[in-house]
Amino acid sequence: MHRTIHAAPIRKTLVVRARPEKAFEVFTARFDRWWPRTHYIGASPLVRATIEPGVGGRWYSTHEDGSEAPWGEVLVWEPPHRLILAWRISHEWGYVPSLLTEVEVQFIALDDAHTRVEFEHRHLDRMGDTPKVAETVTSMDRGWGMILGQFQQAVEDPLS
């Protein structure tokens, strides 16, 4: 009997001590500052992670051997409120140009000093319908929690 796996979106919400403008800027322009060096695709260690500004901007990593590994691209660019990125990385941690899952991040002002960040990684069912995909999605859920924790630290760092 085949069991259908429905990959629900990964959703995370956090409140950061910053205005939406700063939170958006740290998430995008300073992406390399907080993205963990342990999380990358490519043949050699990660040197830099980049989100290029604007719709169509590349989302990619640069590696010690000089190579670049694409992750996806910017689909929606609405500073300082909303960003949607195409995530084209498969459950086997490789770039697949025909795969489209989406990472949406919303930055919602709560008051003059706090922003609610709503994160959603959706359309994960497009990765396939196997136990291995389900295992990867579970791993991604934990990973996004850790990664967004690093983002929160970077936003709230008084030196940033």
N, C-alpha and C. Protein backbone atom coordinates (compact mmCIF):
# COMPACT_ATOMS: atom_id res chain seq x y z
N MET A 1 0.84 -1.18 0.00
CA MET A 1 0.00 0.00 0.00
C MET A 1 0.88 1.25 0.00
N HIS A 2 0.60 2.15 -0.90
CA HIS A 2 1.37 3.40 -1.02
C HIS A 2 0.72 4.47 -0.17
N ARG A 3 1.52 5.09 0.67
CA ARG A 3 1.01 6.15 1.53
C ARG A 3 1.38 7.49 0.92
N THR A 4 0.39 8.33 0.70
CA THR A 4 0.64 9.65 0.13
C THR A 4 1.20 10.57 1.21
N ILE A 5 2.24 11.28 0.87
CA ILE A 5 2.87 12.21 1.79
C ILE A 5 2.50 13.63 1.35
N HIS A 6 1.83 14.34 2.22
CA HIS A 6 1.47 15.72 1.92
C HIS A 6 2.38 16.62 2.74
N ALA A 7 3.28 17.29 2.06
CA ALA A 7 4.23 18.15 2.76
C ALA A 7 3.57 19.49 3.03
N ALA A 8 3.20 19.69 4.27
CA ALA A 8 2.62 20.97 4.69
C ALA A 8 3.71 22.04 4.61
N PRO A 9 3.31 23.29 4.42
CA PRO A 9 4.32 24.35 4.43
C PRO A 9 5.04 24.41 5.77
N ILE A 10 6.28 24.83 5.73
CA ILE A 10 7.04 25.10 6.94
C ILE A 10 6.76 26.55 7.29
N ARG A 11 6.25 26.77 8.51
CA ARG A 11 5.93 28.13 8.94
C ARG A 11 6.66 28.43 10.24
N LYS A 12 7.22 29.62 10.30
CA LYS A 12 7.91 30.10 11.50
C LYS A 12 7.51 31.56 11.71
N THR A 13 7.30 31.94 12.95
CA THR A 13 7.01 33.34 13.29
C THR A 13 7.94 33.75 14.41
N LEU A 14 8.54 34.92 14.27
CA LEU A 14 9.38 35.44 15.33
C LEU A 14 9.20 36.94 15.43
N VAL A 15 9.47 37.48 16.58
CA VAL A 15 9.42 38.91 16.80
C VAL A 15 10.84 39.38 17.04
N VAL A 16 11.26 40.37 16.25
CA VAL A 16 12.62 40.91 16.38
C VAL A 16 12.56 42.35 16.88
N ARG A 17 13.60 42.72 17.62
CA ARG A 17 13.72 44.10 18.11
C ARG A 17 14.36 44.95 17.02
N ALA A 18 13.53 45.34 16.07
CA ALA A 18 13.98 46.18 14.95
C ALA A 18 12.75 46.61 14.17
N ARG A 19 12.89 47.70 13.45
CA ARG A 19 11.82 48.13 12.55
C ARG A 19 11.85 47.26 11.28
N PRO A 20 10.74 47.19 10.54
CA PRO A 20 10.72 46.37 9.32
C PRO A 20 11.82 46.72 8.34
N GLU A 21 12.15 48.01 8.23
CA GLU A 21 13.20 48.41 7.28
C GLU A 21 14.52 47.73 7.59
N LYS A 22 14.87 47.71 8.87
CA LYS A 22 16.14 47.07 9.25
C LYS A 22 16.04 45.57 9.10
N ALA A 23 14.94 44.96 9.53
CA ALA A 23 14.79 43.51 9.42
C ALA A 23 14.88 43.06 7.97
N PHE A 24 14.22 43.77 7.07
CA PHE A 24 14.27 43.43 5.64
C PHE A 24 15.70 43.57 5.12
N GLU A 25 16.35 44.65 5.49
CA GLU A 25 17.72 44.91 5.02
C GLU A 25 18.69 43.84 5.51
N VAL A 26 18.57 43.45 6.78
CA VAL A 26 19.45 42.40 7.30
C VAL A 26 19.14 41.07 6.61
N PHE A 27 17.87 40.78 6.39
CA PHE A 27 17.52 39.51 5.74
C PHE A 27 18.08 39.44 4.32
N THR A 28 18.07 40.53 3.60
CA THR A 28 18.45 40.53 2.18
C THR A 28 19.89 41.00 1.95
N ALA A 29 20.15 42.27 2.17
CA ALA A 29 21.48 42.84 1.87
C ALA A 29 22.58 42.25 2.75
N ARG A 30 22.21 41.84 3.96
CA ARG A 30 23.21 41.28 4.88
C ARG A 30 23.02 39.76 5.06
N PHE A 31 22.40 39.14 4.08
CA PHE A 31 22.12 37.70 4.12
C PHE A 31 23.37 36.89 4.46
N ASP A 32 24.48 37.26 3.86
CA ASP A 32 25.73 36.53 4.09
C ASP A 32 26.20 36.61 5.54
N ARG A 33 25.80 37.66 6.23
CA ARG A 33 26.25 37.86 7.62
C ARG A 33 25.68 36.81 8.57
N TRP A 34 24.47 36.34 8.28
CA TRP A 34 23.82 35.43 9.23
C TRP A 34 23.56 34.02 8.70
N TRP A 35 23.69 33.81 7.40
CA TRP A 35 23.45 32.46 6.86
C TRP A 35 24.56 31.52 7.37
N PRO A 36 24.19 30.37 7.94
CA PRO A 36 25.21 29.47 8.51
C PRO A 36 26.11 28.86 7.44
N ARG A 37 27.39 28.86 7.70
CA ARG A 37 28.38 28.31 6.76
C ARG A 37 28.23 26.80 6.58
N THR A 38 27.50 26.16 7.47
CA THR A 38 27.30 24.71 7.40
C THR A 38 26.21 24.31 6.41
N HIS A 39 25.42 25.27 5.94
CA HIS A 39 24.27 24.97 5.08
C HIS A 39 24.51 25.49 3.67
N TYR A 40 24.91 24.59 2.80
CA TYR A 40 25.17 24.98 1.42
C TYR A 40 25.09 23.75 0.52
N ILE A 41 24.94 24.03 -0.77
CA ILE A 41 25.10 23.00 -1.78
C ILE A 41 26.33 23.41 -2.58
N GLY A 42 26.97 22.48 -3.20
CA GLY A 42 28.19 22.80 -3.93
C GLY A 42 29.31 21.88 -3.49
N ALA A 43 30.38 21.90 -4.28
CA ALA A 43 31.47 20.95 -4.08
C ALA A 43 32.50 21.38 -3.06
N SER A 44 32.55 22.67 -2.75
CA SER A 44 33.55 23.12 -1.77
C SER A 44 32.87 24.04 -0.75
N PRO A 45 33.54 24.30 0.38
CA PRO A 45 32.94 25.08 1.45
C PRO A 45 32.42 26.46 1.01
N LEU A 46 31.40 26.89 1.72
CA LEU A 46 30.72 28.16 1.45
C LEU A 46 31.61 29.34 1.85
N VAL A 47 31.71 30.31 0.95
CA VAL A 47 32.42 31.55 1.22
C VAL A 47 31.42 32.69 1.41
N ARG A 48 30.37 32.73 0.57
CA ARG A 48 29.41 33.84 0.61
C ARG A 48 28.05 33.35 0.14
N ALA A 49 27.00 33.85 0.79
CA ALA A 49 25.62 33.59 0.39
C ALA A 49 24.99 34.92 0.01
N THR A 50 24.29 34.97 -1.12
CA THR A 50 23.84 36.24 -1.68
C THR A 50 22.38 36.18 -2.13
N ILE A 51 21.66 37.24 -1.81
CA ILE A 51 20.35 37.51 -2.42
C ILE A 51 20.51 38.84 -3.15
N GLU A 52 20.42 38.81 -4.47
CA GLU A 52 20.51 40.05 -5.24
C GLU A 52 19.17 40.79 -5.17
N PRO A 53 19.21 42.12 -4.98
CA PRO A 53 17.96 42.87 -4.81
C PRO A 53 17.13 42.94 -6.09
N GLY A 54 15.83 42.94 -5.91
CA GLY A 54 14.89 43.13 -7.01
C GLY A 54 14.40 41.84 -7.62
N VAL A 55 13.22 41.93 -8.24
CA VAL A 55 12.63 40.77 -8.90
C VAL A 55 13.60 40.27 -9.98
N GLY A 56 13.82 38.96 -9.97
CA GLY A 56 14.76 38.36 -10.92
C GLY A 56 16.18 38.26 -10.38
N GLY A 57 16.43 38.90 -9.23
CA GLY A 57 17.75 38.82 -8.62
C GLY A 57 18.09 37.38 -8.28
N ARG A 58 19.36 37.04 -8.37
CA ARG A 58 19.78 35.67 -8.08
C ARG A 58 19.88 35.43 -6.59
N TRP A 59 19.63 34.19 -6.19
CA TRP A 59 19.83 33.72 -4.82
C TRP A 59 20.82 32.58 -4.96
N TYR A 60 22.04 32.76 -4.44
CA TYR A 60 23.10 31.79 -4.74
C TYR A 60 24.20 31.83 -3.70
N SER A 61 25.10 30.87 -3.82
CA SER A 61 26.26 30.82 -2.94
C SER A 61 27.53 30.81 -3.77
N THR A 62 28.60 31.33 -3.17
CA THR A 62 29.93 31.32 -3.76
C THR A 62 30.80 30.44 -2.86
N HIS A 63 31.69 29.66 -3.49
CA HIS A 63 32.44 28.64 -2.75
C HIS A 63 33.95 28.86 -2.84
N GLU A 64 34.67 28.18 -1.94
CA GLU A 64 36.12 28.34 -1.87
C GLU A 64 36.81 28.07 -3.19
N ASP A 65 36.27 27.15 -3.99
CA ASP A 65 36.91 26.84 -5.28
C ASP A 65 36.55 27.85 -6.37
N GLY A 66 35.81 28.92 -6.00
CA GLY A 66 35.45 29.97 -6.96
C GLY A 66 34.13 29.71 -7.68
N SER A 67 33.55 28.55 -7.47
CA SER A 67 32.29 28.23 -8.16
C SER A 67 31.11 28.93 -7.48
N GLU A 68 30.02 29.04 -8.23
CA GLU A 68 28.77 29.55 -7.70
C GLU A 68 27.74 28.44 -7.81
N ALA A 69 26.86 28.36 -6.81
CA ALA A 69 25.78 27.38 -6.82
C ALA A 69 24.46 28.14 -6.71
N PRO A 70 23.61 28.06 -7.74
CA PRO A 70 22.32 28.74 -7.67
C PRO A 70 21.38 28.03 -6.69
N TRP A 71 20.57 28.82 -5.99
CA TRP A 71 19.54 28.28 -5.10
C TRP A 71 18.16 28.59 -5.67
N GLY A 72 18.04 29.72 -6.36
CA GLY A 72 16.77 30.18 -6.89
C GLY A 72 16.89 31.64 -7.26
N GLU A 73 15.76 32.35 -7.21
CA GLU A 73 15.78 33.76 -7.55
C GLU A 73 14.66 34.49 -6.81
N VAL A 74 14.73 35.83 -6.87
CA VAL A 74 13.73 36.67 -6.22
C VAL A 74 12.49 36.73 -7.11
N LEU A 75 11.34 36.36 -6.54
CA LEU A 75 10.07 36.40 -7.26
C LEU A 75 9.28 37.66 -6.94
N VAL A 76 9.32 38.09 -5.67
CA VAL A 76 8.62 39.30 -5.22
C VAL A 76 9.58 40.08 -4.34
N TRP A 77 9.69 41.38 -4.61
CA TRP A 77 10.59 42.26 -3.85
C TRP A 77 9.79 43.49 -3.47
N GLU A 78 9.32 43.54 -2.21
CA GLU A 78 8.50 44.64 -1.73
C GLU A 78 9.05 45.18 -0.42
N PRO A 79 10.25 45.82 -0.46
CA PRO A 79 10.83 46.33 0.77
C PRO A 79 9.96 47.44 1.37
N PRO A 80 9.84 47.48 2.67
CA PRO A 80 10.43 46.59 3.66
C PRO A 80 9.45 45.54 4.19
N HIS A 81 8.42 45.21 3.39
CA HIS A 81 7.31 44.41 3.91
C HIS A 81 7.31 42.94 3.51
N ARG A 82 7.80 42.62 2.31
CA ARG A 82 7.59 41.26 1.81
C ARG A 82 8.64 40.89 0.79
N LEU A 83 8.98 39.59 0.84
CA LEU A 83 9.97 39.02 -0.06
C LEU A 83 9.52 37.59 -0.37
N ILE A 84 9.55 37.21 -1.64
CA ILE A 84 9.31 35.81 -2.00
C ILE A 84 10.48 35.35 -2.86
N LEU A 85 11.07 34.25 -2.44
CA LEU A 85 12.21 33.67 -3.14
C LEU A 85 11.83 32.32 -3.72
N ALA A 86 12.28 32.05 -4.92
CA ALA A 86 12.16 30.71 -5.49
C ALA A 86 13.26 29.86 -4.88
N TRP A 87 12.90 28.73 -4.30
CA TRP A 87 13.85 27.77 -3.75
C TRP A 87 13.82 26.58 -4.71
N ARG A 88 14.88 26.38 -5.43
CA ARG A 88 14.94 25.34 -6.46
C ARG A 88 15.92 24.23 -6.06
N ILE A 89 15.97 23.95 -4.77
CA ILE A 89 16.85 22.91 -4.25
C ILE A 89 16.00 21.70 -3.89
N SER A 90 16.38 20.57 -4.41
CA SER A 90 15.59 19.35 -4.23
C SER A 90 15.80 18.73 -2.85
N HIS A 91 15.04 17.69 -2.59
CA HIS A 91 15.19 16.96 -1.33
C HIS A 91 16.52 16.23 -1.25
N GLU A 92 17.23 16.14 -2.37
CA GLU A 92 18.56 15.53 -2.39
C GLU A 92 19.66 16.60 -2.34
N TRP A 93 19.27 17.83 -2.02
CA TRP A 93 20.18 18.95 -1.84
C TRP A 93 20.97 19.30 -3.10
N GLY A 94 20.27 19.30 -4.22
CA GLY A 94 20.86 19.74 -5.48
C GLY A 94 19.95 20.75 -6.15
N TYR A 95 20.52 21.61 -6.97
CA TYR A 95 19.76 22.62 -7.71
C TYR A 95 19.03 21.96 -8.87
N VAL A 96 17.73 22.20 -8.96
CA VAL A 96 16.90 21.67 -10.04
C VAL A 96 16.12 22.85 -10.62
N PRO A 97 16.54 23.36 -11.79
CA PRO A 97 15.91 24.57 -12.34
C PRO A 97 14.40 24.46 -12.53
N SER A 98 13.90 23.25 -12.78
CA SER A 98 12.46 23.08 -13.03
C SER A 98 11.63 22.96 -11.75
N LEU A 99 12.29 22.84 -10.60
CA LEU A 99 11.58 22.73 -9.32
C LEU A 99 11.31 24.13 -8.78
N LEU A 100 10.08 24.35 -8.33
CA LEU A 100 9.76 25.65 -7.74
C LEU A 100 9.03 25.45 -6.42
N THR A 101 9.73 25.67 -5.32
CA THR A 101 9.09 25.86 -4.03
C THR A 101 9.37 27.32 -3.68
N GLU A 102 8.58 27.86 -2.77
CA GLU A 102 8.69 29.29 -2.48
C GLU A 102 8.95 29.54 -1.01
N VAL A 103 9.82 30.51 -0.77
CA VAL A 103 10.08 31.01 0.58
C VAL A 103 9.54 32.43 0.62
N GLU A 104 8.49 32.64 1.44
CA GLU A 104 7.94 33.98 1.61
C GLU A 104 8.27 34.48 3.01
N VAL A 105 8.72 35.72 3.08
CA VAL A 105 9.03 36.34 4.36
C VAL A 105 8.30 37.67 4.40
N GLN A 106 7.49 37.85 5.45
CA GLN A 106 6.78 39.11 5.65
C GLN A 106 7.32 39.78 6.91
N PHE A 107 7.42 41.10 6.85
CA PHE A 107 7.95 41.91 7.94
C PHE A 107 6.85 42.88 8.36
N ILE A 108 6.24 42.65 9.53
CA ILE A 108 5.06 43.37 9.95
C ILE A 108 5.38 44.19 11.21
N ALA A 109 5.27 45.52 11.09
CA ALA A 109 5.56 46.40 12.23
C ALA A 109 4.56 46.14 13.34
N LEU A 110 5.08 45.96 14.55
CA LEU A 110 4.22 45.82 15.73
C LEU A 110 4.15 47.14 16.49
N ASP A 111 5.27 47.83 16.57
CA ASP A 111 5.37 49.16 17.18
C ASP A 111 6.65 49.79 16.64
N ASP A 112 7.11 50.85 17.26
CA ASP A 112 8.29 51.55 16.75
C ASP A 112 9.58 50.76 16.87
N ALA A 113 9.57 49.68 17.64
CA ALA A 113 10.82 48.97 17.90
C ALA A 113 10.76 47.46 17.64
N HIS A 114 9.63 46.94 17.19
CA HIS A 114 9.49 45.50 17.01
C HIS A 114 8.78 45.16 15.70
N THR A 115 9.23 44.06 15.11
CA THR A 115 8.67 43.57 13.86
C THR A 115 8.37 42.09 14.01
N ARG A 116 7.18 41.70 13.57
CA ARG A 116 6.87 40.26 13.49
C ARG A 116 7.32 39.79 12.12
N VAL A 117 8.12 38.74 12.12
CA VAL A 117 8.61 38.15 10.87
C VAL A 117 7.86 36.85 10.68
N GLU A 118 7.11 36.78 9.58
CA GLU A 118 6.36 35.56 9.26
C GLU A 118 7.05 34.89 8.07
N PHE A 119 7.49 33.68 8.29
CA PHE A 119 8.25 32.91 7.32
C PHE A 119 7.42 31.71 6.87
N GLU A 120 7.38 31.47 5.57
CA GLU A 120 6.71 30.28 5.06
C GLU A 120 7.49 29.71 3.89
N HIS A 121 7.81 28.42 3.95
CA HIS A 121 8.41 27.69 2.83
C HIS A 121 7.32 26.74 2.35
N ARG A 122 6.80 27.00 1.15
CA ARG A 122 5.62 26.29 0.67
C ARG A 122 5.85 25.56 -0.65
N HIS A 123 4.84 24.79 -1.03
CA HIS A 123 4.85 23.96 -2.24
C HIS A 123 5.90 22.86 -2.14
N LEU A 124 6.13 22.39 -0.93
CA LEU A 124 7.13 21.35 -0.71
C LEU A 124 6.71 20.02 -1.32
N ASP A 125 5.42 19.85 -1.56
CA ASP A 125 4.94 18.63 -2.22
C ASP A 125 5.50 18.51 -3.64
N ARG A 126 5.96 19.60 -4.21
CA ARG A 126 6.54 19.57 -5.56
C ARG A 126 7.88 18.84 -5.59
N MET A 127 8.45 18.58 -4.41
CA MET A 127 9.71 17.83 -4.34
C MET A 127 9.48 16.34 -4.59
N GLY A 128 8.24 15.90 -4.48
CA GLY A 128 7.94 14.49 -4.68
C GLY A 128 7.13 13.93 -3.54
N ASP A 129 6.88 12.65 -3.62
CA ASP A 129 5.97 11.97 -2.70
C ASP A 129 6.61 10.67 -2.23
N THR A 130 7.71 10.80 -1.51
CA THR A 130 8.41 9.61 -1.03
C THR A 130 8.76 9.79 0.44
N PRO A 131 9.05 8.71 1.13
CA PRO A 131 9.51 8.85 2.52
C PRO A 131 10.78 9.70 2.63
N LYS A 132 11.67 9.64 1.65
CA LYS A 132 12.90 10.44 1.68
C LYS A 132 12.57 11.93 1.62
N VAL A 133 11.58 12.31 0.81
CA VAL A 133 11.15 13.71 0.76
C VAL A 133 10.62 14.13 2.13
N ALA A 134 9.78 13.29 2.72
CA ALA A 134 9.21 13.61 4.04
C ALA A 134 10.31 13.78 5.07
N GLU A 135 11.32 12.94 5.01
CA GLU A 135 12.46 13.04 5.94
C GLU A 135 13.20 14.36 5.73
N THR A 136 13.40 14.75 4.48
CA THR A 136 14.09 16.00 4.18
C THR A 136 13.29 17.19 4.66
N VAL A 137 11.97 17.17 4.44
CA VAL A 137 11.12 18.28 4.88
C VAL A 137 11.17 18.42 6.40
N THR A 138 11.17 17.32 7.12
CA THR A 138 11.29 17.36 8.58
C THR A 138 12.62 17.99 8.97
N SER A 139 13.69 17.62 8.28
CA SER A 139 15.01 18.18 8.53
C SER A 139 15.02 19.69 8.21
N MET A 140 14.36 20.07 7.11
CA MET A 140 14.29 21.48 6.72
C MET A 140 13.54 22.30 7.77
N ASP A 141 12.50 21.72 8.35
CA ASP A 141 11.73 22.43 9.38
C ASP A 141 12.64 22.78 10.55
N ARG A 142 13.43 21.81 11.02
CA ARG A 142 14.39 22.08 12.10
C ARG A 142 15.45 23.09 11.64
N GLY A 143 15.94 22.91 10.42
CA GLY A 143 16.97 23.79 9.89
C GLY A 143 16.53 25.23 9.79
N TRP A 144 15.31 25.45 9.27
CA TRP A 144 14.82 26.83 9.16
C TRP A 144 14.69 27.46 10.55
N GLY A 145 14.29 26.68 11.55
CA GLY A 145 14.21 27.23 12.91
C GLY A 145 15.56 27.74 13.38
N MET A 146 16.60 26.94 13.19
CA MET A 146 17.95 27.34 13.60
C MET A 146 18.43 28.55 12.78
N ILE A 147 18.21 28.50 11.47
CA ILE A 147 18.67 29.57 10.59
C ILE A 147 17.99 30.90 10.94
N LEU A 148 16.69 30.85 11.19
CA LEU A 148 15.98 32.08 11.55
C LEU A 148 16.41 32.60 12.92
N GLY A 149 16.83 31.72 13.80
CA GLY A 149 17.41 32.15 15.06
C GLY A 149 18.68 32.97 14.82
N GLN A 150 19.49 32.53 13.86
CA GLN A 150 20.71 33.28 13.52
C GLN A 150 20.36 34.63 12.90
N PHE A 151 19.30 34.65 12.08
CA PHE A 151 18.82 35.92 11.52
C PHE A 151 18.41 36.87 12.64
N GLN A 152 17.65 36.36 13.62
CA GLN A 152 17.19 37.20 14.72
C GLN A 152 18.38 37.79 15.48
N GLN A 153 19.39 36.97 15.74
CA GLN A 153 20.59 37.48 16.44
C GLN A 153 21.26 38.59 15.63
N ALA A 154 21.34 38.41 14.31
CA ALA A 154 21.98 39.42 13.46
C ALA A 154 21.19 40.71 13.45
N VAL A 155 19.87 40.63 13.39
CA VAL A 155 19.02 41.83 13.39
C VAL A 155 19.18 42.58 14.71
N GLU A 156 19.25 41.85 15.80
CA GLU A 156 19.25 42.48 17.11
C GLU A 156 20.65 42.86 17.61
N ASP A 157 21.68 42.48 16.86
CA ASP A 157 23.04 42.84 17.23
C ASP A 157 23.19 44.35 17.17
N PRO A 158 23.59 44.99 18.27
CA PRO A 158 23.70 46.47 18.25
C PRO A 158 24.74 46.98 17.25
N LEU A 159 25.63 46.13 16.80
CA LEU A 159 26.65 46.56 15.83
C LEU A 159 26.18 46.42 14.38
N SER A 160 25.00 45.84 14.18
CA SER A 160 24.54 45.66 12.79
C SER A 160 23.81 46.87 12.28
